[in-house]
Amino acid sequence: MPGRVPTEWPDLINYYVQDAITIIHRERPDLRGVRVLPPNQVPTPCPEGLVRVVIYNDANHRVINPPPYIG
């Protein structure tokens, strides 16, 4: 992947979760895991060797703050 490798996606706030996952996967095909969480839930530790994206969503399945990030 030439150029800057994204580690967070603030522009995806308000996107539908599935659309955000598609965009993230297109930009970072090396990411294999996605953890979608409700507001304010703390993600579990990431299993060793897995690189995943954490996405928070609302009741309408839209991405909310904090923006999607690797973690």
N, C-alpha and C. Protein backbone atom coordinates (compact mmCIF):
# COMPACT_ATOMS: atom_id res chain seq x y z
N MET A 1 0.84 -1.18 0.00
CA MET A 1 0.00 0.00 0.00
C MET A 1 0.88 1.23 0.00
N PRO A 2 0.99 1.90 -1.10
CA PRO A 2 1.81 3.10 -1.15
C PRO A 2 1.14 4.26 -0.42
N GLY A 3 1.97 5.20 0.05
CA GLY A 3 1.42 6.38 0.72
C GLY A 3 1.06 6.11 2.16
N ARG A 4 0.29 7.01 2.71
CA ARG A 4 -0.12 6.95 4.11
C ARG A 4 -1.07 5.79 4.35
N VAL A 5 -0.83 5.05 5.41
CA VAL A 5 -1.70 3.92 5.77
C VAL A 5 -2.63 4.39 6.88
N PRO A 6 -3.95 4.45 6.63
CA PRO A 6 -4.86 4.96 7.64
C PRO A 6 -4.98 4.04 8.86
N THR A 7 -5.10 4.67 10.03
CA THR A 7 -5.32 3.93 11.27
C THR A 7 -6.61 4.37 11.96
N GLU A 8 -7.25 5.40 11.43
CA GLU A 8 -8.57 5.82 11.90
C GLU A 8 -9.30 6.50 10.75
N TRP A 9 -10.62 6.54 10.88
CA TRP A 9 -11.45 7.02 9.77
C TRP A 9 -12.51 8.00 10.27
N PRO A 10 -12.13 9.24 10.59
CA PRO A 10 -13.11 10.21 11.09
C PRO A 10 -14.16 10.61 10.06
N ASP A 11 -13.84 10.48 8.78
CA ASP A 11 -14.81 10.86 7.74
C ASP A 11 -15.98 9.88 7.63
N LEU A 12 -15.91 8.76 8.32
CA LEU A 12 -16.97 7.76 8.21
C LEU A 12 -18.08 7.93 9.25
N ILE A 13 -17.99 8.95 10.09
CA ILE A 13 -19.07 9.23 11.05
C ILE A 13 -20.36 9.44 10.25
N ASN A 14 -21.43 8.84 10.70
CA ASN A 14 -22.78 8.89 10.11
C ASN A 14 -22.96 7.95 8.92
N TYR A 15 -21.93 7.26 8.48
CA TYR A 15 -22.11 6.23 7.45
C TYR A 15 -22.78 5.02 8.08
N TYR A 16 -23.49 4.24 7.27
CA TYR A 16 -23.98 2.96 7.75
C TYR A 16 -22.77 2.07 8.02
N VAL A 17 -22.84 1.26 9.07
CA VAL A 17 -21.72 0.42 9.48
C VAL A 17 -21.22 -0.44 8.33
N GLN A 18 -22.11 -1.09 7.60
CA GLN A 18 -21.68 -1.97 6.53
C GLN A 18 -20.94 -1.20 5.43
N ASP A 19 -21.39 0.01 5.13
CA ASP A 19 -20.70 0.84 4.14
C ASP A 19 -19.31 1.23 4.66
N ALA A 20 -19.22 1.57 5.93
CA ALA A 20 -17.93 1.92 6.53
C ALA A 20 -16.97 0.74 6.47
N ILE A 21 -17.45 -0.45 6.77
CA ILE A 21 -16.60 -1.65 6.72
C ILE A 21 -16.07 -1.86 5.30
N THR A 22 -16.93 -1.67 4.32
CA THR A 22 -16.51 -1.83 2.92
C THR A 22 -15.40 -0.84 2.57
N ILE A 23 -15.56 0.41 2.96
CA ILE A 23 -14.56 1.44 2.67
C ILE A 23 -13.25 1.13 3.38
N ILE A 24 -13.34 0.78 4.65
CA ILE A 24 -12.13 0.47 5.42
C ILE A 24 -11.40 -0.72 4.80
N HIS A 25 -12.13 -1.75 4.45
CA HIS A 25 -11.50 -2.93 3.85
C HIS A 25 -10.84 -2.60 2.51
N ARG A 26 -11.44 -1.71 1.76
CA ARG A 26 -10.85 -1.30 0.48
C ARG A 26 -9.52 -0.57 0.73
N GLU A 27 -9.49 0.28 1.77
CA GLU A 27 -8.28 1.04 2.07
C GLU A 27 -7.23 0.21 2.80
N ARG A 28 -7.68 -0.76 3.58
CA ARG A 28 -6.77 -1.58 4.39
C ARG A 28 -7.15 -3.06 4.28
N PRO A 29 -6.86 -3.69 3.14
CA PRO A 29 -7.23 -5.10 2.98
C PRO A 29 -6.52 -6.03 3.95
N ASP A 30 -5.48 -5.55 4.63
CA ASP A 30 -4.77 -6.37 5.61
C ASP A 30 -5.56 -6.54 6.91
N LEU A 31 -6.56 -5.72 7.14
CA LEU A 31 -7.35 -5.82 8.37
C LEU A 31 -8.37 -6.94 8.22
N ARG A 32 -8.37 -7.85 9.17
CA ARG A 32 -9.25 -9.02 9.07
C ARG A 32 -10.39 -9.02 10.08
N GLY A 33 -10.26 -8.25 11.15
CA GLY A 33 -11.29 -8.27 12.18
C GLY A 33 -11.99 -6.94 12.30
N VAL A 34 -13.26 -6.99 12.65
CA VAL A 34 -14.05 -5.79 12.91
C VAL A 34 -14.82 -6.03 14.20
N ARG A 35 -14.79 -5.07 15.08
CA ARG A 35 -15.55 -5.16 16.33
C ARG A 35 -16.52 -3.99 16.32
N VAL A 36 -17.82 -4.26 16.22
CA VAL A 36 -18.85 -3.23 16.21
C VAL A 36 -19.48 -3.21 17.59
N LEU A 37 -19.47 -2.01 18.20
CA LEU A 37 -19.92 -1.86 19.58
C LEU A 37 -20.98 -0.78 19.72
N PRO A 38 -21.84 -0.92 20.73
CA PRO A 38 -22.78 0.16 21.04
C PRO A 38 -22.03 1.30 21.74
N PRO A 39 -22.66 2.46 21.86
CA PRO A 39 -22.00 3.60 22.50
C PRO A 39 -21.45 3.26 23.88
N ASN A 40 -20.28 3.78 24.17
CA ASN A 40 -19.63 3.70 25.49
C ASN A 40 -19.18 2.31 25.93
N GLN A 41 -19.31 1.30 25.11
CA GLN A 41 -18.81 -0.02 25.50
C GLN A 41 -17.31 -0.10 25.22
N VAL A 42 -16.59 -0.69 26.14
CA VAL A 42 -15.14 -0.84 25.99
C VAL A 42 -14.86 -2.13 25.24
N PRO A 43 -14.02 -2.06 24.19
CA PRO A 43 -13.73 -3.29 23.46
C PRO A 43 -12.88 -4.25 24.27
N THR A 44 -13.08 -5.52 24.05
CA THR A 44 -12.24 -6.53 24.69
C THR A 44 -10.85 -6.45 24.09
N PRO A 45 -9.84 -6.94 24.80
CA PRO A 45 -8.49 -6.93 24.22
C PRO A 45 -8.46 -7.68 22.90
N CYS A 46 -7.65 -7.18 22.00
CA CYS A 46 -7.52 -7.79 20.68
C CYS A 46 -6.68 -9.06 20.80
N PRO A 47 -7.13 -10.16 20.24
CA PRO A 47 -6.33 -11.39 20.28
C PRO A 47 -4.97 -11.17 19.62
N GLU A 48 -3.96 -11.79 20.17
CA GLU A 48 -2.60 -11.63 19.64
C GLU A 48 -2.54 -12.03 18.17
N GLY A 49 -1.89 -11.21 17.39
CA GLY A 49 -1.73 -11.49 15.98
C GLY A 49 -2.87 -11.01 15.10
N LEU A 50 -3.96 -10.52 15.71
CA LEU A 50 -5.10 -10.03 14.93
C LEU A 50 -5.07 -8.51 14.91
N VAL A 51 -5.26 -7.94 13.74
CA VAL A 51 -5.38 -6.50 13.60
C VAL A 51 -6.83 -6.24 13.25
N ARG A 52 -7.51 -5.48 14.08
CA ARG A 52 -8.94 -5.26 13.85
C ARG A 52 -9.29 -3.78 13.93
N VAL A 53 -10.45 -3.47 13.43
CA VAL A 53 -11.01 -2.13 13.48
C VAL A 53 -12.14 -2.14 14.50
N VAL A 54 -12.19 -1.11 15.33
CA VAL A 54 -13.27 -0.94 16.30
C VAL A 54 -14.19 0.15 15.75
N ILE A 55 -15.48 -0.18 15.67
CA ILE A 55 -16.49 0.75 15.16
C ILE A 55 -17.61 0.84 16.18
N TYR A 56 -17.95 2.07 16.56
CA TYR A 56 -19.10 2.29 17.44
C TYR A 56 -20.29 2.67 16.57
N ASN A 57 -21.48 2.16 16.96
CA ASN A 57 -22.67 2.44 16.16
C ASN A 57 -23.87 2.72 17.05
N ASP A 58 -24.86 3.38 16.45
CA ASP A 58 -26.09 3.70 17.18
C ASP A 58 -27.17 2.68 16.82
N ALA A 59 -28.37 2.94 17.30
CA ALA A 59 -29.48 2.02 17.07
C ALA A 59 -29.88 1.93 15.60
N ASN A 60 -29.45 2.90 14.79
CA ASN A 60 -29.76 2.90 13.36
C ASN A 60 -28.64 2.30 12.53
N HIS A 61 -27.67 1.67 13.19
CA HIS A 61 -26.53 1.04 12.52
C HIS A 61 -25.67 2.04 11.76
N ARG A 62 -25.56 3.23 12.33
CA ARG A 62 -24.69 4.27 11.75
C ARG A 62 -23.47 4.44 12.65
N VAL A 63 -22.35 4.76 12.04
CA VAL A 63 -21.10 4.98 12.76
C VAL A 63 -21.20 6.27 13.58
N ILE A 64 -20.78 6.20 14.84
CA ILE A 64 -20.79 7.35 15.74
C ILE A 64 -19.38 7.57 16.29
N ASN A 65 -19.19 8.66 17.04
CA ASN A 65 -17.90 8.91 17.71
C ASN A 65 -17.67 7.92 18.82
N PRO A 66 -16.44 7.55 19.09
CA PRO A 66 -15.24 7.92 18.40
C PRO A 66 -15.20 7.27 17.01
N PRO A 67 -14.48 7.91 16.07
CA PRO A 67 -14.44 7.36 14.72
C PRO A 67 -13.80 5.98 14.69
N PRO A 68 -14.08 5.19 13.68
CA PRO A 68 -13.44 3.87 13.57
C PRO A 68 -11.92 3.98 13.69
N TYR A 69 -11.35 3.04 14.42
CA TYR A 69 -9.89 3.05 14.64
C TYR A 69 -9.38 1.64 14.75
N ILE A 70 -8.07 1.48 14.56
CA ILE A 70 -7.45 0.18 14.74
C ILE A 70 -7.18 0.01 16.22
N GLY A 71 -7.65 -1.10 16.77
CA GLY A 71 -7.44 -1.31 18.20
C GLY A 71 -7.93 -2.63 18.69
